[in-house]
N, C-alpha and C. Protein backbone atom coordinates (compact mmCIF):
# COMPACT_ATOMS: atom_id res chain seq x y z
N UNK A 1 89.37 94.69 97.10
CA UNK A 1 90.09 95.77 96.48
C UNK A 1 91.17 95.18 95.58
N UNK A 2 91.34 95.78 94.42
CA UNK A 2 92.32 95.27 93.46
C UNK A 2 93.74 95.66 93.85
N UNK A 3 93.97 96.94 94.17
CA UNK A 3 95.30 97.40 94.59
C UNK A 3 95.21 98.80 95.18
N UNK A 4 96.25 99.19 95.87
CA UNK A 4 96.43 100.58 96.32
C UNK A 4 97.61 101.14 95.54
N UNK A 5 97.47 102.36 95.05
CA UNK A 5 98.50 102.96 94.21
C UNK A 5 99.31 103.97 95.00
N UNK A 6 100.63 103.89 94.85
CA UNK A 6 101.56 104.76 95.57
C UNK A 6 102.44 105.48 94.55
N UNK A 7 102.43 106.79 94.59
CA UNK A 7 103.30 107.59 93.73
C UNK A 7 104.61 107.79 94.47
N UNK A 8 105.73 107.54 93.80
CA UNK A 8 107.03 107.56 94.45
C UNK A 8 108.03 108.40 93.66
N UNK A 9 108.96 108.98 94.39
CA UNK A 9 110.01 109.78 93.76
C UNK A 9 111.05 108.90 93.08
N UNK A 10 111.26 107.68 93.59
CA UNK A 10 112.28 106.78 93.05
C UNK A 10 111.75 105.35 93.12
N UNK A 11 111.30 104.84 91.99
CA UNK A 11 110.67 103.53 91.97
C UNK A 11 111.63 102.41 92.38
N UNK A 12 112.91 102.56 92.08
CA UNK A 12 113.87 101.51 92.41
C UNK A 12 114.08 101.41 93.92
N UNK A 13 114.17 102.55 94.60
CA UNK A 13 114.26 102.55 96.07
C UNK A 13 112.96 102.04 96.69
N UNK A 14 111.84 102.43 96.11
CA UNK A 14 110.55 101.98 96.63
C UNK A 14 110.39 100.47 96.49
N UNK A 15 110.77 99.93 95.34
CA UNK A 15 110.71 98.48 95.14
C UNK A 15 111.58 97.78 96.17
N UNK A 16 112.80 98.25 96.36
CA UNK A 16 113.71 97.63 97.34
C UNK A 16 113.11 97.69 98.75
N UNK A 17 112.51 98.82 99.11
CA UNK A 17 111.87 98.97 100.42
C UNK A 17 110.76 97.93 100.60
N UNK A 18 109.85 97.87 99.64
CA UNK A 18 108.71 96.96 99.78
C UNK A 18 109.13 95.50 99.67
N UNK A 19 110.22 95.22 98.96
CA UNK A 19 110.73 93.85 98.94
C UNK A 19 111.19 93.43 100.33
N UNK A 20 111.81 94.35 101.08
CA UNK A 20 112.21 94.01 102.45
C UNK A 20 111.01 93.78 103.36
N UNK A 21 109.87 94.35 103.00
CA UNK A 21 108.63 94.10 103.76
C UNK A 21 107.99 92.77 103.38
N UNK A 22 108.46 92.15 102.29
CA UNK A 22 107.91 90.87 101.88
C UNK A 22 107.13 90.90 100.58
N UNK A 23 107.12 92.02 99.89
CA UNK A 23 106.43 92.11 98.59
C UNK A 23 107.36 91.63 97.48
N UNK A 24 106.76 91.18 96.39
CA UNK A 24 107.51 90.82 95.20
C UNK A 24 106.86 91.50 94.00
N UNK A 25 107.67 91.88 93.03
CA UNK A 25 107.16 92.50 91.80
C UNK A 25 106.44 91.43 90.99
N UNK A 26 105.20 91.71 90.62
CA UNK A 26 104.45 90.75 89.79
C UNK A 26 104.37 91.21 88.34
N UNK A 27 104.33 92.53 88.09
CA UNK A 27 104.27 93.06 86.74
C UNK A 27 104.98 94.40 86.69
N UNK A 28 105.78 94.63 85.64
CA UNK A 28 106.40 95.94 85.39
C UNK A 28 105.76 96.49 84.13
N UNK A 29 105.49 97.80 84.13
CA UNK A 29 104.86 98.42 82.97
C UNK A 29 105.11 99.93 83.01
N UNK A 30 104.63 100.62 82.00
CA UNK A 30 104.70 102.08 81.99
C UNK A 30 103.27 102.61 82.00
N UNK A 31 103.14 103.81 82.53
CA UNK A 31 101.81 104.44 82.57
C UNK A 31 101.79 105.62 81.60
N UNK A 32 102.27 105.39 80.41
CA UNK A 32 102.30 106.43 79.39
C UNK A 32 103.61 107.18 79.38
N UNK A 33 103.99 107.74 80.54
CA UNK A 33 105.20 108.56 80.57
C UNK A 33 106.18 108.16 81.67
N UNK A 34 105.86 107.15 82.43
CA UNK A 34 106.73 106.83 83.56
C UNK A 34 106.70 105.34 83.90
N UNK A 35 107.66 104.93 84.72
CA UNK A 35 107.77 103.54 85.16
C UNK A 35 106.74 103.22 86.24
N UNK A 36 106.28 101.98 86.22
CA UNK A 36 105.31 101.53 87.22
C UNK A 36 105.44 100.03 87.40
N UNK A 37 104.90 99.53 88.50
CA UNK A 37 104.86 98.07 88.72
C UNK A 37 103.77 97.74 89.73
N UNK A 38 103.36 96.49 89.69
CA UNK A 38 102.50 95.94 90.73
C UNK A 38 103.39 95.06 91.58
N UNK A 39 103.14 95.12 92.89
CA UNK A 39 103.85 94.26 93.84
C UNK A 39 102.81 93.56 94.69
N UNK A 40 103.08 92.31 95.01
CA UNK A 40 102.16 91.53 95.84
C UNK A 40 102.85 91.06 97.09
N UNK A 41 102.13 91.11 98.20
CA UNK A 41 102.65 90.66 99.49
C UNK A 41 101.74 91.08 100.62
N UNK A 42 101.96 90.50 101.78
CA UNK A 42 101.16 90.81 102.97
C UNK A 42 99.66 90.79 102.66
N UNK A 43 99.24 89.82 101.87
CA UNK A 43 97.84 89.61 101.50
C UNK A 43 97.23 90.77 100.72
N UNK A 44 98.05 91.48 99.95
CA UNK A 44 97.54 92.59 99.17
C UNK A 44 98.39 92.89 97.95
N UNK A 45 97.98 93.89 97.19
CA UNK A 45 98.71 94.31 96.01
C UNK A 45 98.83 95.83 96.03
N UNK A 46 100.02 96.32 95.72
CA UNK A 46 100.24 97.76 95.59
C UNK A 46 100.75 98.04 94.18
N UNK A 47 100.54 99.25 93.75
CA UNK A 47 101.07 99.72 92.47
C UNK A 47 102.02 100.88 92.81
N UNK A 48 103.23 100.79 92.32
CA UNK A 48 104.18 101.89 92.47
C UNK A 48 104.28 102.62 91.15
N UNK A 49 104.22 103.95 91.19
CA UNK A 49 104.34 104.77 90.00
C UNK A 49 105.40 105.83 90.27
N UNK A 50 106.43 105.85 89.43
CA UNK A 50 107.48 106.85 89.60
C UNK A 50 107.00 108.19 89.04
N UNK A 51 107.18 109.25 89.83
CA UNK A 51 106.74 110.58 89.43
C UNK A 51 107.95 111.41 89.03
N UNK A 52 108.02 111.83 87.76
CA UNK A 52 109.11 112.72 87.35
C UNK A 52 108.96 114.07 88.06
N UNK A 53 110.05 114.67 88.43
CA UNK A 53 110.06 115.96 89.12
C UNK A 53 109.10 115.98 90.31
N UNK A 54 109.29 115.05 91.26
CA UNK A 54 108.37 114.97 92.40
C UNK A 54 108.50 116.16 93.35
N UNK A 55 107.41 116.46 94.01
CA UNK A 55 107.39 117.46 95.07
C UNK A 55 107.26 116.70 96.39
N UNK A 56 107.77 117.25 97.49
CA UNK A 56 107.62 116.56 98.77
C UNK A 56 106.14 116.35 99.12
N UNK A 57 105.85 115.18 99.66
CA UNK A 57 104.48 114.86 100.07
C UNK A 57 104.16 115.54 101.39
N UNK A 58 102.87 115.84 101.65
CA UNK A 58 102.51 116.38 102.95
C UNK A 58 102.76 115.34 104.03
N UNK A 59 102.92 115.79 105.26
CA UNK A 59 103.17 114.89 106.39
C UNK A 59 101.84 114.39 106.94
N UNK A 60 101.31 113.33 106.34
CA UNK A 60 100.00 112.80 106.72
C UNK A 60 99.98 112.30 108.16
N UNK A 61 101.11 111.81 108.66
CA UNK A 61 101.15 111.26 110.02
C UNK A 61 101.32 112.36 111.06
N UNK A 62 102.17 113.33 110.78
CA UNK A 62 102.51 114.34 111.78
C UNK A 62 101.62 115.57 111.79
N UNK A 63 100.93 115.85 110.68
CA UNK A 63 100.10 117.05 110.60
C UNK A 63 98.67 116.69 110.96
N UNK A 64 98.24 117.11 112.15
CA UNK A 64 96.90 116.75 112.62
C UNK A 64 95.79 117.42 111.82
N UNK A 65 96.12 118.37 110.97
CA UNK A 65 95.13 119.06 110.15
C UNK A 65 95.09 118.54 108.71
N UNK A 66 95.96 117.60 108.39
CA UNK A 66 96.01 117.01 107.04
C UNK A 66 94.68 116.34 106.72
N UNK A 67 94.20 116.52 105.50
CA UNK A 67 92.98 115.87 105.03
C UNK A 67 93.33 115.11 103.76
N UNK A 68 92.90 113.87 103.67
CA UNK A 68 93.15 113.06 102.48
C UNK A 68 93.48 111.63 102.89
N UNK A 69 93.98 110.88 101.92
CA UNK A 69 94.37 109.51 102.24
C UNK A 69 95.43 109.54 103.32
N UNK A 70 95.29 108.68 104.32
CA UNK A 70 96.14 108.75 105.50
C UNK A 70 97.23 107.68 105.51
N UNK A 71 96.86 106.41 105.37
CA UNK A 71 97.86 105.35 105.43
C UNK A 71 97.31 104.06 104.83
N UNK A 72 98.23 103.14 104.54
CA UNK A 72 97.87 101.77 104.20
C UNK A 72 98.01 100.95 105.47
N UNK A 73 97.16 99.95 105.64
CA UNK A 73 97.21 99.12 106.84
C UNK A 73 97.30 97.66 106.44
N UNK A 74 98.22 96.95 107.08
CA UNK A 74 98.44 95.53 106.79
C UNK A 74 98.16 94.72 108.04
N UNK A 75 97.30 93.71 107.92
CA UNK A 75 96.92 92.86 109.04
C UNK A 75 97.93 91.72 109.17
N UNK A 76 98.66 91.73 110.28
CA UNK A 76 99.67 90.70 110.52
C UNK A 76 99.22 89.66 111.54
N UNK A 77 97.91 89.62 111.82
CA UNK A 77 97.38 88.70 112.84
C UNK A 77 97.82 87.26 112.58
N UNK A 78 97.74 86.82 111.34
CA UNK A 78 98.10 85.44 110.99
C UNK A 78 99.59 85.28 110.69
N UNK A 79 100.30 86.39 110.46
CA UNK A 79 101.69 86.32 110.00
C UNK A 79 102.72 86.32 111.12
N UNK A 80 102.36 86.86 112.30
CA UNK A 80 103.33 86.92 113.39
C UNK A 80 102.61 86.79 114.72
N UNK A 81 103.31 86.28 115.70
CA UNK A 81 102.74 86.12 117.03
C UNK A 81 103.05 87.30 117.94
N UNK A 82 103.85 88.25 117.45
CA UNK A 82 104.32 89.32 118.32
C UNK A 82 104.77 90.51 117.47
N UNK A 83 104.02 91.59 117.49
CA UNK A 83 104.35 92.75 116.66
C UNK A 83 105.66 93.41 117.07
N UNK A 84 105.97 93.57 118.37
CA UNK A 84 107.27 94.17 118.72
C UNK A 84 108.47 93.37 118.19
N UNK A 85 108.42 92.06 118.28
CA UNK A 85 109.51 91.23 117.77
C UNK A 85 109.59 91.32 116.26
N UNK A 86 108.43 91.31 115.58
CA UNK A 86 108.40 91.45 114.12
C UNK A 86 109.03 92.77 113.71
N UNK A 87 108.68 93.87 114.41
CA UNK A 87 109.22 95.18 114.06
C UNK A 87 110.72 95.25 114.32
N UNK A 88 111.18 94.67 115.43
CA UNK A 88 112.62 94.64 115.72
C UNK A 88 113.38 93.91 114.62
N UNK A 89 112.82 92.80 114.15
CA UNK A 89 113.45 92.04 113.07
C UNK A 89 113.49 92.88 111.78
N UNK A 90 112.41 93.60 111.52
CA UNK A 90 112.35 94.45 110.33
C UNK A 90 113.39 95.56 110.43
N UNK A 91 113.52 96.17 111.59
CA UNK A 91 114.53 97.22 111.80
C UNK A 91 115.92 96.68 111.51
N UNK A 92 116.21 95.46 111.98
CA UNK A 92 117.52 94.85 111.75
C UNK A 92 117.76 94.61 110.26
N UNK A 93 116.74 94.16 109.55
CA UNK A 93 116.88 93.94 108.10
C UNK A 93 117.21 95.24 107.39
N UNK A 94 116.54 96.33 107.78
CA UNK A 94 116.80 97.62 107.15
C UNK A 94 118.17 98.17 107.53
N UNK A 95 118.59 97.98 108.77
CA UNK A 95 119.93 98.44 109.18
C UNK A 95 121.01 97.69 108.39
N UNK A 96 120.84 96.38 108.25
CA UNK A 96 121.79 95.58 107.49
C UNK A 96 121.82 96.02 106.03
N UNK A 97 120.64 96.22 105.45
CA UNK A 97 120.57 96.65 104.05
C UNK A 97 121.20 98.03 103.87
N UNK A 98 121.00 98.94 104.84
CA UNK A 98 121.58 100.29 104.77
C UNK A 98 123.10 100.23 104.85
N UNK A 99 123.64 99.29 105.63
CA UNK A 99 125.09 99.12 105.71
C UNK A 99 125.66 98.57 104.40
N UNK A 100 124.95 97.62 103.80
CA UNK A 100 125.42 96.97 102.58
C UNK A 100 125.21 97.84 101.34
N UNK A 101 124.11 98.57 101.28
CA UNK A 101 123.78 99.41 100.12
C UNK A 101 123.25 100.77 100.58
N UNK A 102 124.13 101.64 101.10
CA UNK A 102 123.66 102.92 101.63
C UNK A 102 123.01 103.84 100.60
N UNK A 103 123.31 103.66 99.33
CA UNK A 103 122.68 104.50 98.31
C UNK A 103 121.24 104.05 98.04
N UNK A 104 120.89 102.83 98.41
CA UNK A 104 119.57 102.27 98.13
C UNK A 104 118.65 102.26 99.36
N UNK A 105 119.23 102.10 100.55
CA UNK A 105 118.44 101.91 101.76
C UNK A 105 118.82 102.91 102.85
N UNK A 106 117.87 103.19 103.71
CA UNK A 106 118.08 103.95 104.93
C UNK A 106 117.56 103.11 106.08
N UNK A 107 118.03 103.37 107.30
CA UNK A 107 117.42 102.66 108.44
C UNK A 107 115.91 102.93 108.46
N UNK A 108 115.18 101.98 108.97
CA UNK A 108 113.72 102.07 109.01
C UNK A 108 113.28 103.24 109.89
N UNK A 109 112.34 104.04 109.38
CA UNK A 109 111.78 105.14 110.17
C UNK A 109 110.49 104.65 110.82
N UNK A 110 110.52 104.53 112.15
CA UNK A 110 109.35 104.09 112.91
C UNK A 110 108.59 105.33 113.35
N UNK A 111 107.34 105.41 112.98
CA UNK A 111 106.49 106.55 113.36
C UNK A 111 105.78 106.30 114.68
N UNK A 112 105.45 105.03 114.97
CA UNK A 112 104.81 104.65 116.23
C UNK A 112 105.24 103.24 116.58
N UNK A 113 105.91 103.11 117.71
CA UNK A 113 106.30 101.79 118.20
C UNK A 113 105.04 100.99 118.52
N UNK A 114 105.13 99.66 118.54
CA UNK A 114 103.94 98.84 118.81
C UNK A 114 103.26 99.24 120.12
N UNK A 115 101.96 99.39 120.04
CA UNK A 115 101.14 99.75 121.19
C UNK A 115 99.78 99.09 121.03
N UNK A 116 99.07 98.95 122.13
CA UNK A 116 97.72 98.39 122.05
C UNK A 116 96.72 99.52 121.95
N UNK A 117 95.67 99.28 121.15
CA UNK A 117 94.65 100.29 120.93
C UNK A 117 93.29 99.62 120.90
N UNK A 118 92.36 100.12 121.70
CA UNK A 118 90.99 99.61 121.68
C UNK A 118 90.21 100.38 120.63
N UNK A 119 89.57 99.64 119.72
CA UNK A 119 88.73 100.22 118.69
C UNK A 119 87.41 99.46 118.74
N UNK A 120 86.35 100.13 119.20
CA UNK A 120 85.08 99.44 119.40
C UNK A 120 85.24 98.38 120.48
N UNK A 121 84.81 97.18 120.18
CA UNK A 121 84.93 96.09 121.15
C UNK A 121 86.18 95.23 120.90
N UNK A 122 87.09 95.71 120.09
CA UNK A 122 88.30 94.95 119.73
C UNK A 122 89.53 95.62 120.35
N UNK A 123 90.55 94.82 120.60
CA UNK A 123 91.85 95.34 121.02
C UNK A 123 92.86 94.95 119.95
N UNK A 124 93.58 95.96 119.47
CA UNK A 124 94.57 95.75 118.42
C UNK A 124 95.95 96.14 118.92
N UNK A 125 96.94 95.46 118.37
CA UNK A 125 98.32 95.86 118.53
C UNK A 125 98.67 96.58 117.22
N UNK A 126 99.17 97.83 117.30
CA UNK A 126 99.43 98.61 116.09
C UNK A 126 100.82 99.23 116.14
N UNK A 127 101.40 99.40 114.96
CA UNK A 127 102.67 100.10 114.80
C UNK A 127 102.62 100.81 113.45
N UNK A 128 103.36 101.91 113.35
CA UNK A 128 103.45 102.64 112.09
C UNK A 128 104.92 102.83 111.72
N UNK A 129 105.20 102.68 110.41
CA UNK A 129 106.51 103.02 109.86
C UNK A 129 106.28 103.93 108.67
N UNK A 130 107.36 104.52 108.14
CA UNK A 130 107.26 105.34 106.93
C UNK A 130 107.99 104.63 105.80
N UNK A 131 107.42 104.71 104.59
CA UNK A 131 108.11 104.14 103.44
C UNK A 131 109.15 105.14 102.92
N UNK A 132 109.75 104.88 101.78
CA UNK A 132 110.83 105.72 101.26
C UNK A 132 110.39 107.15 100.95
N UNK A 133 109.10 107.36 100.72
CA UNK A 133 108.59 108.69 100.44
C UNK A 133 107.87 109.31 101.64
N UNK A 134 107.93 108.64 102.77
CA UNK A 134 107.30 109.15 103.98
C UNK A 134 105.85 108.73 104.17
N UNK A 135 105.31 107.88 103.28
CA UNK A 135 103.94 107.41 103.41
C UNK A 135 103.81 106.55 104.67
N UNK A 136 102.85 106.88 105.55
CA UNK A 136 102.66 106.04 106.74
C UNK A 136 102.11 104.66 106.36
N UNK A 137 102.69 103.64 106.95
CA UNK A 137 102.22 102.27 106.79
C UNK A 137 101.91 101.73 108.18
N UNK A 138 100.71 101.20 108.34
CA UNK A 138 100.30 100.64 109.63
C UNK A 138 100.36 99.12 109.57
N UNK A 139 100.81 98.54 110.67
CA UNK A 139 100.81 97.09 110.82
C UNK A 139 99.99 96.80 112.06
N UNK A 140 99.05 95.87 111.92
CA UNK A 140 98.04 95.68 112.95
C UNK A 140 97.85 94.20 113.22
N UNK A 141 97.61 93.87 114.49
CA UNK A 141 97.25 92.50 114.90
C UNK A 141 96.00 92.58 115.74
N UNK A 142 95.02 91.76 115.42
CA UNK A 142 93.76 91.70 116.17
C UNK A 142 93.97 90.76 117.35
N UNK A 143 94.13 91.33 118.55
CA UNK A 143 94.40 90.50 119.73
C UNK A 143 93.18 89.71 120.14
N UNK A 144 91.98 90.15 119.80
CA UNK A 144 90.77 89.39 120.11
C UNK A 144 90.75 88.08 119.34
N UNK A 145 91.19 88.09 118.08
CA UNK A 145 91.23 86.85 117.29
C UNK A 145 92.24 85.87 117.87
N UNK A 146 93.34 86.37 118.40
CA UNK A 146 94.36 85.52 119.00
C UNK A 146 93.77 84.82 120.22
N UNK A 147 93.14 85.61 121.11
CA UNK A 147 92.57 85.07 122.35
C UNK A 147 91.43 84.12 122.03
N UNK A 148 90.55 84.52 121.09
CA UNK A 148 89.43 83.66 120.72
C UNK A 148 89.91 82.34 120.18
N UNK A 149 90.96 82.37 119.35
CA UNK A 149 91.49 81.14 118.79
C UNK A 149 92.04 80.22 119.85
N UNK A 150 92.68 80.79 120.86
CA UNK A 150 93.24 79.96 121.93
C UNK A 150 92.13 79.35 122.78
N UNK A 151 91.09 80.13 123.07
CA UNK A 151 89.99 79.63 123.89
C UNK A 151 89.28 78.50 123.15
N UNK A 152 89.09 78.69 121.86
CA UNK A 152 88.41 77.65 121.07
C UNK A 152 89.19 76.35 121.02
N UNK A 153 90.51 76.41 121.24
CA UNK A 153 91.32 75.22 121.15
C UNK A 153 91.40 74.47 122.47
N UNK A 154 90.98 75.10 123.57
CA UNK A 154 91.10 74.48 124.89
C UNK A 154 90.02 73.46 125.09
């Protein structure tokens, strides 16, 4: 996949949010009538597009009847050894940023604390947070790959 596109009410706040997640701006451009950029990080690329006169987005995470794109998911299997510790560190970064620049940042909104979930024959550690516009973002670790890697090394 080339990129996932995210429409945002405030591109500057969105850029700051995703930078705290580890993304960096790779290209800034306009899409005819508005500001946009590509950001790279967490083994992927996103496009942010600022929407003039935005309307509130539907609650994709909380509304069980919502139909449409649901969330972006980032695989942290290789990036961290522990999703709860990673999330706690992320919360601290956002709290610090909110103290230093309250007009730019808010404390991190966690939609689902880290939990284990069996999907098929795999066990995953998953957590969800919301971005500046309320878009659900999933962070996932494949616990089977961790165990398999350790067994292979013994």
